[in-house]
N, C-alpha and C. Protein backbone atom coordinates (compact mmCIF):
# COMPACT_ATOMS: atom_id res chain seq x y z
N MET A 1 -1.49 2.98 -8.29
CA MET A 1 -1.88 3.47 -7.00
C MET A 1 -2.08 4.95 -6.84
N GLY A 2 -3.45 5.08 -6.20
CA GLY A 2 -3.36 6.96 -6.02
C GLY A 2 -2.64 7.46 -5.05
N ALA A 3 -2.70 8.59 -5.26
CA ALA A 3 -1.57 9.29 -4.51
C ALA A 3 -2.01 9.30 -2.87
N ILE A 4 -3.30 9.11 -2.35
CA ILE A 4 -3.50 9.59 -1.12
C ILE A 4 -3.03 7.57 -0.79
N ALA A 5 -3.30 6.58 -1.40
CA ALA A 5 -2.87 5.28 -0.71
C ALA A 5 -1.41 5.24 -0.56
N ARG A 6 -0.65 5.77 -1.79
CA ARG A 6 0.97 6.07 -1.79
C ARG A 6 1.41 6.59 -0.39
N LEU A 7 0.63 7.58 -0.07
CA LEU A 7 0.99 8.07 1.29
C LEU A 7 1.12 7.04 2.45
N LEU A 8 -0.44 6.71 2.15
CA LEU A 8 -0.58 5.75 3.67
C LEU A 8 0.07 4.48 3.55
N GLY A 9 0.77 4.33 2.46
CA GLY A 9 1.72 2.95 2.27
C GLY A 9 0.94 1.90 1.74
N ARG A 10 -0.38 2.18 1.28
CA ARG A 10 -1.40 0.99 1.27
C ARG A 10 -1.18 0.48 -0.41
N GLU A 11 -0.97 -0.49 -0.57
CA GLU A 11 -1.02 -1.22 -2.23
C GLU A 11 -2.65 -1.16 -2.61
N SER A 12 -2.63 -0.81 -3.79
CA SER A 12 -4.05 -0.82 -4.29
C SER A 12 -3.53 -2.17 -5.36
N TYR A 13 -4.46 -2.94 -5.16
CA TYR A 13 -4.30 -4.09 -6.21
C TYR A 13 -5.25 -4.31 -7.39
N ASN A 14 -6.20 -2.97 -7.38
CA ASN A 14 -7.27 -2.86 -8.70
C ASN A 14 -6.34 -2.23 -9.87
N ASP A 15 -4.63 -1.81 -9.98
CA ASP A 15 -4.22 -1.56 -11.13
C ASP A 15 -3.36 -2.70 -11.56
N TRP A 16 -3.51 -3.74 -10.91
CA TRP A 16 -2.93 -5.24 -11.36
C TRP A 16 -3.29 -6.03 -12.42
N PRO A 17 -2.81 -6.13 -13.64
CA PRO A 17 -1.20 -6.29 -13.88
C PRO A 17 -1.33 -4.70 -14.99
N ARG A 18 -0.32 -3.61 -14.51
CA ARG A 18 -0.48 -2.47 -15.07
C ARG A 18 -0.07 -2.16 -16.42
N SER A 19 0.49 -3.09 -16.89
CA SER A 19 0.54 -3.08 -18.55
C SER A 19 0.89 -4.42 -19.00
N TRP A 20 1.12 -4.42 -20.19
CA TRP A 20 1.32 -5.72 -20.66
C TRP A 20 2.90 -5.97 -20.44
N ASP A 21 3.78 -5.08 -20.86
CA ASP A 21 5.37 -4.95 -20.92
C ASP A 21 5.41 -5.26 -19.27
N SER A 22 4.91 -4.57 -18.60
CA SER A 22 5.32 -4.50 -16.87
C SER A 22 5.43 -6.29 -16.92
N PHE A 23 3.78 -6.76 -17.13
CA PHE A 23 3.60 -8.26 -16.47
C PHE A 23 4.64 -9.38 -17.77
N ARG A 24 4.86 -8.81 -18.71
CA ARG A 24 5.87 -9.87 -19.49
C ARG A 24 7.25 -10.02 -18.64
N CYS A 25 7.87 -8.68 -18.28
CA CYS A 25 8.93 -8.57 -17.58
C CYS A 25 8.88 -9.49 -16.42
N ASP A 26 7.72 -9.45 -15.35
CA ASP A 26 7.48 -9.94 -13.86
C ASP A 26 7.27 -11.51 -14.37
N VAL A 27 7.00 -11.93 -15.29
CA VAL A 27 6.58 -13.46 -15.50
C VAL A 27 8.37 -13.74 -16.19
N SER A 28 8.97 -13.21 -16.57
CA SER A 28 10.21 -13.44 -16.88
C SER A 28 11.20 -13.54 -15.89
N ARG A 29 11.19 -12.57 -15.00
CA ARG A 29 11.93 -12.23 -13.29
C ARG A 29 11.44 -13.81 -13.00
N ALA A 30 10.13 -14.04 -12.67
CA ALA A 30 9.42 -15.29 -11.98
C ALA A 30 9.72 -16.50 -12.27
N ALA A 31 10.07 -16.64 -13.73
CA ALA A 31 10.71 -18.06 -14.48
C ALA A 31 12.15 -17.87 -13.88
N GLY A 32 12.76 -17.25 -13.75
CA GLY A 32 14.38 -17.49 -13.30
C GLY A 32 14.67 -17.28 -11.70
N VAL A 33 13.32 -17.45 -10.95
CA VAL A 33 13.82 -17.82 -9.47
C VAL A 33 14.18 -19.34 -9.37
N GLY A 34 15.11 -19.43 -8.48
CA GLY A 34 15.10 -20.88 -8.47
C GLY A 34 13.99 -21.84 -7.20
N ILE A 35 13.84 -20.84 -6.52
CA ILE A 35 12.96 -21.40 -5.80
C ILE A 35 12.16 -19.93 -5.13
N ALA A 36 10.65 -20.06 -4.77
CA ALA A 36 10.44 -18.99 -4.13
C ALA A 36 9.55 -19.93 -2.82
N ARG A 37 9.28 -19.23 -1.64
CA ARG A 37 8.15 -19.37 -0.92
C ARG A 37 7.05 -18.62 -0.63
N VAL A 38 6.26 -19.11 -1.10
CA VAL A 38 4.71 -18.37 -1.05
C VAL A 38 3.65 -18.61 0.76
N ARG A 39 3.69 -17.88 1.37
CA ARG A 39 3.05 -17.97 2.63
C ARG A 39 1.69 -17.48 2.19
N CYS A 40 0.63 -18.41 2.59
CA CYS A 40 -0.64 -18.08 2.53
C CYS A 40 -1.56 -18.86 3.37
N HIS A 41 -2.52 -18.57 3.54
CA HIS A 41 -3.65 -19.64 4.38
C HIS A 41 -3.56 -20.77 3.40
N ARG A 42 -4.06 -21.71 3.93
CA ARG A 42 -4.13 -22.86 3.35
C ARG A 42 -5.56 -23.25 2.28
N ASN A 43 -6.60 -22.17 2.43
CA ASN A 43 -7.56 -22.02 1.63
C ASN A 43 -7.39 -21.45 0.46
N THR A 44 -6.18 -20.70 0.23
CA THR A 44 -5.56 -19.72 -0.44
C THR A 44 -4.62 -20.79 -1.08
N TRP A 45 -3.96 -21.46 -0.58
CA TRP A 45 -3.08 -22.39 -1.45
C TRP A 45 -3.99 -23.66 -2.55
N ALA A 46 -4.97 -24.11 -1.50
CA ALA A 46 -6.04 -24.86 -2.13
C ALA A 46 -6.74 -24.52 -3.47
N TYR A 47 -7.15 -23.33 -3.27
CA TYR A 47 -7.59 -22.35 -4.68
C TYR A 47 -6.71 -22.30 -5.44
N LEU A 48 -5.18 -22.12 -5.48
CA LEU A 48 -4.55 -21.88 -6.49
C LEU A 48 -4.07 -23.37 -6.94
N GLU A 49 -3.89 -24.13 -6.47
CA GLU A 49 -3.49 -25.68 -6.48
C GLU A 49 -4.42 -26.00 -7.39
N GLU A 50 -5.77 -26.17 -7.13
CA GLU A 50 -7.23 -26.55 -7.49
C GLU A 50 -6.80 -25.81 -9.24
N ASN A 51 -6.89 -24.33 -9.48
CA ASN A 51 -6.97 -23.58 -10.61
C ASN A 51 -5.96 -23.36 -11.26
N VAL A 52 -4.84 -23.29 -10.89
CA VAL A 52 -3.61 -22.95 -11.53
C VAL A 52 -3.20 -24.22 -12.96
N PRO A 53 -3.86 -24.20 -14.07
CA PRO A 53 -3.36 -25.24 -14.98
C PRO A 53 -2.13 -25.74 -14.91
N ARG A 54 -2.33 -27.46 -14.62
CA ARG A 54 -0.86 -27.97 -14.53
C ARG A 54 -0.01 -28.42 -15.76
N ALA A 55 1.10 -28.55 -15.92
CA ALA A 55 2.15 -28.62 -16.99
C ALA A 55 1.53 -30.08 -17.91
N THR A 56 0.45 -30.95 -17.37
CA THR A 56 0.09 -32.14 -17.78
C THR A 56 -1.10 -32.01 -18.39
N GLU A 57 -1.94 -30.76 -17.97
CA GLU A 57 -3.15 -30.30 -18.71
C GLU A 57 -3.46 -29.30 -19.90
N ALA A 58 -2.44 -28.57 -19.92
CA ALA A 58 -2.62 -27.62 -21.21
C ALA A 58 -0.86 -27.50 -21.76
N PRO A 59 -1.17 -27.55 -23.22
CA PRO A 59 0.35 -26.89 -23.70
C PRO A 59 0.67 -25.54 -23.32
N GLY A 60 2.10 -25.67 -22.81
CA GLY A 60 2.56 -23.98 -22.47
C GLY A 60 2.39 -23.87 -20.90
N ALA A 61 1.57 -24.77 -20.39
CA ALA A 61 1.60 -24.39 -18.84
C ALA A 61 2.65 -25.47 -18.05
N ALA A 62 2.69 -24.39 -17.08
CA ALA A 62 4.19 -24.86 -16.49
C ALA A 62 4.11 -25.00 -15.06
N PHE A 63 3.21 -25.25 -14.68
CA PHE A 63 2.84 -25.40 -13.13
C PHE A 63 2.77 -26.88 -12.82
N CYS A 64 3.95 -27.05 -11.92
CA CYS A 64 3.77 -28.27 -11.14
C CYS A 64 3.62 -28.33 -9.61
N ALA A 65 2.49 -28.76 -9.12
CA ALA A 65 2.20 -28.75 -7.70
C ALA A 65 3.90 -29.62 -6.89
N PRO A 66 3.75 -28.77 -5.46
CA PRO A 66 4.95 -29.08 -5.03
C PRO A 66 4.50 -30.34 -4.03
N ALA A 67 5.68 -31.17 -3.43
CA ALA A 67 5.54 -32.30 -2.84
C ALA A 67 4.75 -31.86 -1.85
N GLU A 68 4.01 -32.92 -1.03
CA GLU A 68 3.51 -32.92 0.13
C GLU A 68 4.88 -32.07 1.08
N ASP A 69 6.15 -32.70 1.39
CA ASP A 69 7.15 -32.05 2.14
C ASP A 69 7.58 -30.95 1.66
N GLU A 70 7.15 -30.31 0.78
CA GLU A 70 7.70 -28.90 0.17
C GLU A 70 6.45 -27.90 0.59
N ILE A 71 5.47 -28.08 1.50
CA ILE A 71 4.26 -27.58 2.15
C ILE A 71 4.35 -27.44 3.79
N ALA A 72 4.88 -26.53 4.39
CA ALA A 72 5.19 -26.66 5.66
C ALA A 72 3.77 -25.85 6.31
N ALA A 73 2.97 -26.34 7.73
CA ALA A 73 2.06 -25.96 7.70
C ALA A 73 2.45 -24.94 8.71
N GLU A 74 1.38 -24.05 9.69
CA GLU A 74 1.84 -23.26 10.30
C GLU A 74 0.40 -23.08 10.95
N LYS A 75 0.68 -22.11 12.12
CA LYS A 75 -0.56 -22.06 12.68
C LYS A 75 -1.46 -21.27 12.24
N ASP A 76 -2.81 -21.48 12.79
CA ASP A 76 -3.82 -20.59 12.21
C ASP A 76 -4.16 -20.68 10.80
N GLY A 77 -3.70 -22.02 10.49
CA GLY A 77 -4.20 -22.33 8.66
C GLY A 77 -2.81 -22.13 7.77
N MET A 78 -2.33 -21.15 8.53
CA MET A 78 -1.14 -20.84 7.49
C MET A 78 0.05 -21.74 6.72
N VAL A 79 -0.07 -21.53 5.38
CA VAL A 79 1.10 -22.44 5.04
C VAL A 79 1.95 -21.91 4.52
N THR A 80 3.66 -22.54 4.48
CA THR A 80 4.36 -21.87 3.49
C THR A 80 4.87 -22.97 2.15
N VAL A 81 4.64 -22.61 1.29
CA VAL A 81 4.57 -23.49 0.11
C VAL A 81 6.19 -23.27 -0.67
N ALA A 82 6.92 -24.05 -1.36
CA ALA A 82 7.99 -24.14 -1.90
C ALA A 82 7.60 -24.31 -3.41
N LEU A 83 7.78 -23.22 -4.36
CA LEU A 83 7.71 -23.24 -5.43
C LEU A 83 8.77 -22.82 -6.56
N ALA A 84 9.07 -23.89 -7.51
CA ALA A 84 10.26 -23.31 -8.43
C ALA A 84 9.88 -22.00 -9.22
N GLY A 85 10.76 -21.59 -10.41
CA GLY A 85 10.28 -20.14 -10.60
C GLY A 85 9.41 -20.24 -11.75
N THR A 86 9.60 -21.57 -12.33
CA THR A 86 8.38 -21.62 -13.66
C THR A 86 7.27 -21.83 -13.34
N SER A 87 6.92 -22.51 -11.94
CA SER A 87 5.38 -22.67 -11.29
C SER A 87 5.21 -21.42 -10.76
N LEU A 88 6.02 -20.29 -10.32
CA LEU A 88 5.60 -19.30 -9.81
C LEU A 88 5.21 -18.48 -11.25
N ALA A 89 6.19 -18.25 -12.38
CA ALA A 89 5.45 -17.98 -13.39
C ALA A 89 4.00 -18.48 -13.91
N ALA A 90 3.88 -19.59 -13.64
CA ALA A 90 2.90 -20.07 -14.05
C ALA A 90 1.42 -19.69 -13.35
N VAL A 91 1.90 -19.45 -11.86
CA VAL A 91 0.70 -19.14 -11.38
C VAL A 91 0.49 -17.13 -11.61
N LEU A 92 1.54 -16.72 -11.66
CA LEU A 92 1.41 -15.35 -12.45
C LEU A 92 0.54 -15.24 -13.47
N HIS A 93 0.97 -16.32 -14.68
CA HIS A 93 0.28 -16.14 -15.78
C HIS A 93 -1.52 -16.44 -15.26
N PHE A 94 -1.52 -17.20 -15.02
CA PHE A 94 -2.82 -17.78 -14.69
C PHE A 94 -3.77 -16.56 -13.82
N CYS A 95 -2.88 -15.56 -13.08
CA CYS A 95 -3.58 -14.73 -12.37
C CYS A 95 -3.91 -13.51 -13.76
N ARG A 96 -3.03 -13.19 -14.37
CA ARG A 96 -3.15 -12.19 -15.46
C ARG A 96 -4.25 -12.68 -16.43
N ASP A 97 -4.69 -13.96 -16.65
CA ASP A 97 -5.41 -14.92 -17.65
C ASP A 97 -6.72 -14.78 -16.97
N VAL A 98 -7.34 -14.71 -15.93
CA VAL A 98 -8.21 -14.42 -15.46
C VAL A 98 -8.69 -13.29 -15.40
N GLN A 99 -7.65 -12.15 -15.10
CA GLN A 99 -8.32 -10.68 -15.16
C GLN A 99 -8.83 -10.40 -16.48
N THR A 100 -8.14 -11.08 -17.89
CA THR A 100 -8.39 -10.66 -19.21
C THR A 100 -9.27 -11.40 -19.78
N HIS A 101 -9.51 -12.53 -19.45
CA HIS A 101 -10.63 -13.27 -20.35
C HIS A 101 -11.86 -13.35 -19.31
N ARG A 102 -12.46 -12.32 -19.43
CA ARG A 102 -13.84 -12.06 -19.13
C ARG A 102 -14.72 -12.71 -19.93
N MET A 103 -15.03 -12.90 -21.06
CA MET A 103 -15.99 -12.93 -21.73
C MET A 103 -15.91 -14.53 -22.17
N THR A 104 -14.55 -15.01 -22.40
CA THR A 104 -14.47 -16.61 -22.68
C THR A 104 -14.43 -17.47 -21.42
N ALA A 105 -14.40 -17.15 -20.67
CA ALA A 105 -13.93 -18.03 -19.52
C ALA A 105 -15.18 -17.98 -18.09
N SER A 106 -15.20 -18.76 -17.45
CA SER A 106 -16.60 -18.96 -16.59
C SER A 106 -15.91 -18.13 -14.94
N TRP A 107 -14.70 -17.12 -14.88
CA TRP A 107 -14.35 -16.77 -14.08
C TRP A 107 -15.01 -15.57 -13.44
N THR A 108 -15.35 -15.59 -11.90
CA THR A 108 -16.30 -14.66 -11.17
C THR A 108 -15.44 -13.65 -10.82
N ASP A 109 -15.90 -12.74 -10.41
CA ASP A 109 -15.54 -11.52 -10.01
C ASP A 109 -14.86 -11.69 -8.36
N LEU A 110 -15.04 -12.64 -7.93
CA LEU A 110 -14.44 -13.56 -6.77
C LEU A 110 -13.05 -13.83 -7.42
N ASP A 111 -12.99 -14.62 -8.20
CA ASP A 111 -12.01 -15.05 -8.93
C ASP A 111 -10.59 -14.01 -9.05
N ARG A 112 -11.42 -13.00 -10.28
CA ARG A 112 -10.48 -12.14 -10.61
C ARG A 112 -10.04 -11.49 -9.04
N ALA A 113 -10.72 -11.13 -8.13
CA ALA A 113 -10.17 -10.16 -6.92
C ALA A 113 -9.00 -11.31 -6.42
N ILE A 114 -9.51 -12.61 -5.84
CA ILE A 114 -8.11 -13.38 -5.56
C ILE A 114 -6.92 -13.44 -6.51
N ALA A 115 -7.32 -13.84 -7.88
CA ALA A 115 -6.15 -13.42 -8.83
C ALA A 115 -5.26 -11.98 -8.95
N ARG A 116 -6.15 -10.99 -8.75
CA ARG A 116 -5.40 -9.89 -8.70
C ARG A 116 -4.56 -9.69 -7.40
N ARG A 117 -4.82 -10.18 -6.25
CA ARG A 117 -3.99 -10.10 -5.20
C ARG A 117 -3.05 -10.78 -5.41
N VAL A 118 -3.09 -12.26 -5.83
CA VAL A 118 -2.32 -12.94 -5.80
C VAL A 118 -0.97 -12.45 -6.72
N GLY A 119 -1.68 -12.25 -7.80
CA GLY A 119 -0.75 -11.46 -8.67
C GLY A 119 0.08 -9.98 -8.23
N SER A 120 -0.68 -9.57 -7.64
CA SER A 120 0.04 -8.31 -7.38
C SER A 120 0.96 -8.47 -6.36
N ALA A 121 0.89 -9.29 -5.27
CA ALA A 121 1.97 -9.91 -4.38
C ALA A 121 2.90 -10.66 -5.29
N ILE A 122 2.99 -11.12 -5.99
CA ILE A 122 4.18 -11.94 -6.73
C ILE A 122 4.59 -10.84 -7.79
N SER A 123 4.21 -10.12 -8.54
CA SER A 123 4.79 -9.07 -9.09
C SER A 123 5.84 -7.78 -8.36
N GLU A 124 5.15 -8.07 -7.00
CA GLU A 124 5.75 -7.03 -6.18
C GLU A 124 7.19 -7.48 -5.83
N ALA A 125 6.90 -8.91 -5.58
CA ALA A 125 8.09 -9.47 -5.01
C ALA A 125 9.42 -9.65 -6.30
N VAL A 126 9.08 -10.28 -7.25
CA VAL A 126 10.01 -9.94 -8.46
C VAL A 126 10.51 -8.73 -8.53
N LYS A 127 10.04 -7.62 -8.34
CA LYS A 127 10.77 -6.35 -8.57
C LYS A 127 12.34 -6.55 -7.87
N ASN A 128 12.58 -7.41 -7.00
CA ASN A 128 13.72 -7.50 -6.23
C ASN A 128 14.36 -8.66 -6.66
N VAL A 129 14.08 -9.14 -7.77
CA VAL A 129 14.96 -10.47 -8.20
C VAL A 129 15.97 -9.80 -9.02
N ILE A 130 17.19 -10.28 -8.51
CA ILE A 130 18.64 -10.25 -8.90
C ILE A 130 19.66 -11.71 -9.51
N PRO A 131 20.03 -11.38 -10.95
CA PRO A 131 20.67 -12.77 -11.29
C PRO A 131 21.94 -12.94 -10.39
N SER A 132 21.48 -14.29 -10.11
CA SER A 132 22.67 -14.64 -8.89
C SER A 132 22.99 -16.13 -9.32
N GLY A 133 24.60 -16.19 -8.96
CA GLY A 133 24.97 -17.22 -9.02
C GLY A 133 25.26 -18.06 -7.84
N ASP A 134 25.07 -17.32 -6.80
CA ASP A 134 25.53 -17.81 -5.26
C ASP A 134 24.47 -18.85 -5.17
N GLU A 135 24.74 -20.02 -4.83
CA GLU A 135 23.54 -21.01 -4.65
C GLU A 135 22.97 -21.27 -3.08
N ASP A 136 23.60 -20.31 -2.08
CA ASP A 136 23.53 -20.68 -0.86
C ASP A 136 22.28 -19.29 -0.65
N GLY A 137 22.30 -18.43 -1.39
CA GLY A 137 21.33 -17.03 -1.01
C GLY A 137 20.45 -17.54 -0.68
N PRO A 138 19.34 -16.96 -0.04
CA PRO A 138 18.57 -16.77 0.92
C PRO A 138 17.33 -17.02 -0.04
N ALA A 139 16.09 -17.68 -0.03
CA ALA A 139 14.82 -18.06 -1.03
C ALA A 139 14.06 -16.76 -0.59
N ALA A 140 13.41 -16.27 -1.59
CA ALA A 140 12.22 -15.20 -1.58
C ALA A 140 11.02 -15.64 -0.72
N VAL A 141 10.36 -15.19 0.03
CA VAL A 141 9.38 -15.20 0.37
C VAL A 141 8.17 -14.47 0.20
N ILE A 142 7.11 -14.89 -0.32
CA ILE A 142 6.15 -13.93 -0.93
C ILE A 142 4.66 -14.19 0.42
N TYR A 143 4.67 -12.67 0.87
CA TYR A 143 3.56 -13.19 1.82
C TYR A 143 2.06 -12.73 1.51
N LEU A 144 1.23 -13.48 1.68
CA LEU A 144 -0.08 -13.63 1.13
C LEU A 144 -1.46 -13.38 2.87
N ASP A 145 -0.39 -12.14 3.28
CA ASP A 145 -1.07 -12.37 4.72
C ASP A 145 -1.46 -11.18 4.98
N ASP A 146 -2.60 -9.94 4.48
CA ASP A 146 -3.00 -8.87 4.93
C ASP A 146 -3.70 -9.01 6.19
N LYS A 147 -3.28 -8.21 6.81
CA LYS A 147 -4.18 -8.20 8.07
C LYS A 147 -5.43 -7.07 8.39
N ILE A 148 -6.06 -7.13 9.34
CA ILE A 148 -7.31 -6.21 9.62
C ILE A 148 -7.21 -5.69 10.96
N THR A 149 -6.67 -4.59 10.81
CA THR A 149 -6.30 -4.21 12.37
C THR A 149 -7.53 -3.68 13.07
N ALA A 150 -7.29 -4.05 14.71
CA ALA A 150 -8.85 -3.35 15.54
C ALA A 150 -8.85 -2.23 14.93
N LYS A 151 -8.26 -1.12 14.80
CA LYS A 151 -8.54 -0.01 14.58
C LYS A 151 -9.59 0.44 13.19
N ASP A 152 -9.25 -0.83 12.41
CA ASP A 152 -9.85 -0.56 11.42
C ASP A 152 -11.38 -1.01 11.54
N THR A 153 -11.47 -1.74 12.26
CA THR A 153 -12.93 -2.37 12.20
C THR A 153 -14.07 -1.43 13.13
N PRO A 154 -15.28 -1.68 12.54
CA PRO A 154 -15.99 -0.71 13.45
C PRO A 154 -16.18 -1.05 14.81
N ALA A 155 -16.54 -0.17 15.83
CA ALA A 155 -17.44 -0.92 17.32
C ALA A 155 -18.39 -1.43 17.10
């Protein structure tokens, strides 16, 4: 993140993933989460559900789509999706693959932008993961809900 963006409190998604080591650490943290909730627009969720390799499709894939009762519809097209840590790690792994496989896959710049934003959000969230034996602790919520404020739009 640039110095100005840091001062303004704005996250730069362009530098995600920062390094291979930080990515590996993030995937390990994500895999250890019992359950995380991802809050995003239903179209974003549909994109991820369609594109992240499922455990049954590819060796080493760990993504299991949640059951319908694990997806809570909200107003304005938003959904909150309950994901096991292994599925969260699989989404994070997919997001990195989209960034790094430019020549051997058919990913577009749009795919890379979506994956970069989602991967960045998950990486930020798992920075706060701590080992816990408390089964009643709160589940993490990862928000993919950036806003365009009225002051940022041209008149």
